[in-house]
Protein backbone atom coordinates (compact mmCIF):
# COMPACT_ATOMS: atom_id res chain seq x y z
CA MET A 1 -2.97 6.84 2.56
CA LEU A 2 -4.19 9.62 5.01
CA GLU A 3 -1.02 10.81 6.72
CA GLY A 4 2.60 10.09 6.80
CA ASP A 5 5.30 9.14 4.33
CA VAL A 6 5.08 5.39 3.24
CA THR A 7 7.14 3.47 0.48
CA LEU A 8 5.32 0.51 -1.00
CA TYR A 9 8.07 -2.01 -2.33
CA LEU A 10 6.89 -4.30 -5.15
CA ASP A 11 9.09 -7.01 -7.00
CA GLU A 12 10.49 -4.62 -9.51
CA ALA A 13 9.34 -1.23 -8.25
CA GLU A 14 9.30 1.20 -5.40
CA VAL A 15 6.57 3.65 -4.92
CA LYS A 16 6.59 6.50 -2.73
CA LEU A 17 3.27 7.50 -1.47
CA LYS A 18 2.06 10.73 0.01
CA PRO A 19 -1.48 11.60 1.66
CA HIS A 20 -4.60 11.12 -0.51
CA ASP A 21 -2.73 8.53 -2.77
CA VAL A 22 -4.83 5.36 -3.61
CA VAL A 23 -3.00 1.87 -4.52
CA VAL A 24 -5.10 -0.97 -6.00
CA GLN A 25 -2.92 -4.08 -4.92
CA ARG A 26 -3.94 -7.09 -6.89
CA GLY A 27 -2.46 -10.07 -5.14
CA THR A 28 1.29 -9.21 -5.96
CA ASN A 29 4.16 -9.65 -3.49
CA HIS A 30 4.68 -6.45 -1.77
CA ALA A 31 5.93 -4.61 1.46
CA TRP A 32 4.96 -1.35 3.19
CA VAL A 33 7.82 0.74 4.93
CA ASN A 34 6.96 3.76 6.85
CA THR A 35 9.75 5.96 5.65
CA GLY A 36 8.59 9.17 7.88
CA THR A 37 9.55 10.19 11.30
CA THR A 38 5.84 10.04 12.44
CA PRO A 39 3.35 7.34 12.42
CA ALA A 40 1.56 6.83 9.20
CA LEU A 41 -2.09 6.20 8.82
CA LEU A 42 -3.72 4.24 5.93
CA ILE A 43 -6.93 2.78 5.18
CA ALA A 44 -7.30 -0.92 3.62
CA VAL A 45 -10.38 -2.28 2.14
CA LEU A 46 -10.07 -6.13 1.42
CA ILE A 47 -12.40 -7.65 -1.01
CA ASP A 48 -12.66 -11.32 -1.56
CA ALA A 49 -11.83 -12.69 -5.13
CA ASP A 50 -14.62 -14.64 -6.93
CA VAL A 51 -12.71 -17.87 -7.64
CA ALA A 52 -14.41 -20.78 -9.34
CA VAL A 53 -13.22 -24.25 -8.30
């Protein structure tokens, strides 16, 4: 999270994020909502899971 006010909604929790917060999201149901009055700026890094078949 670089700029703005964002809330992360999970199945059983809400997390209010501020600039410089970091979230590790591990495949759970989630939603991001911009709760501020200005655009939010986030960085996302996606890493493929190593899944054995």
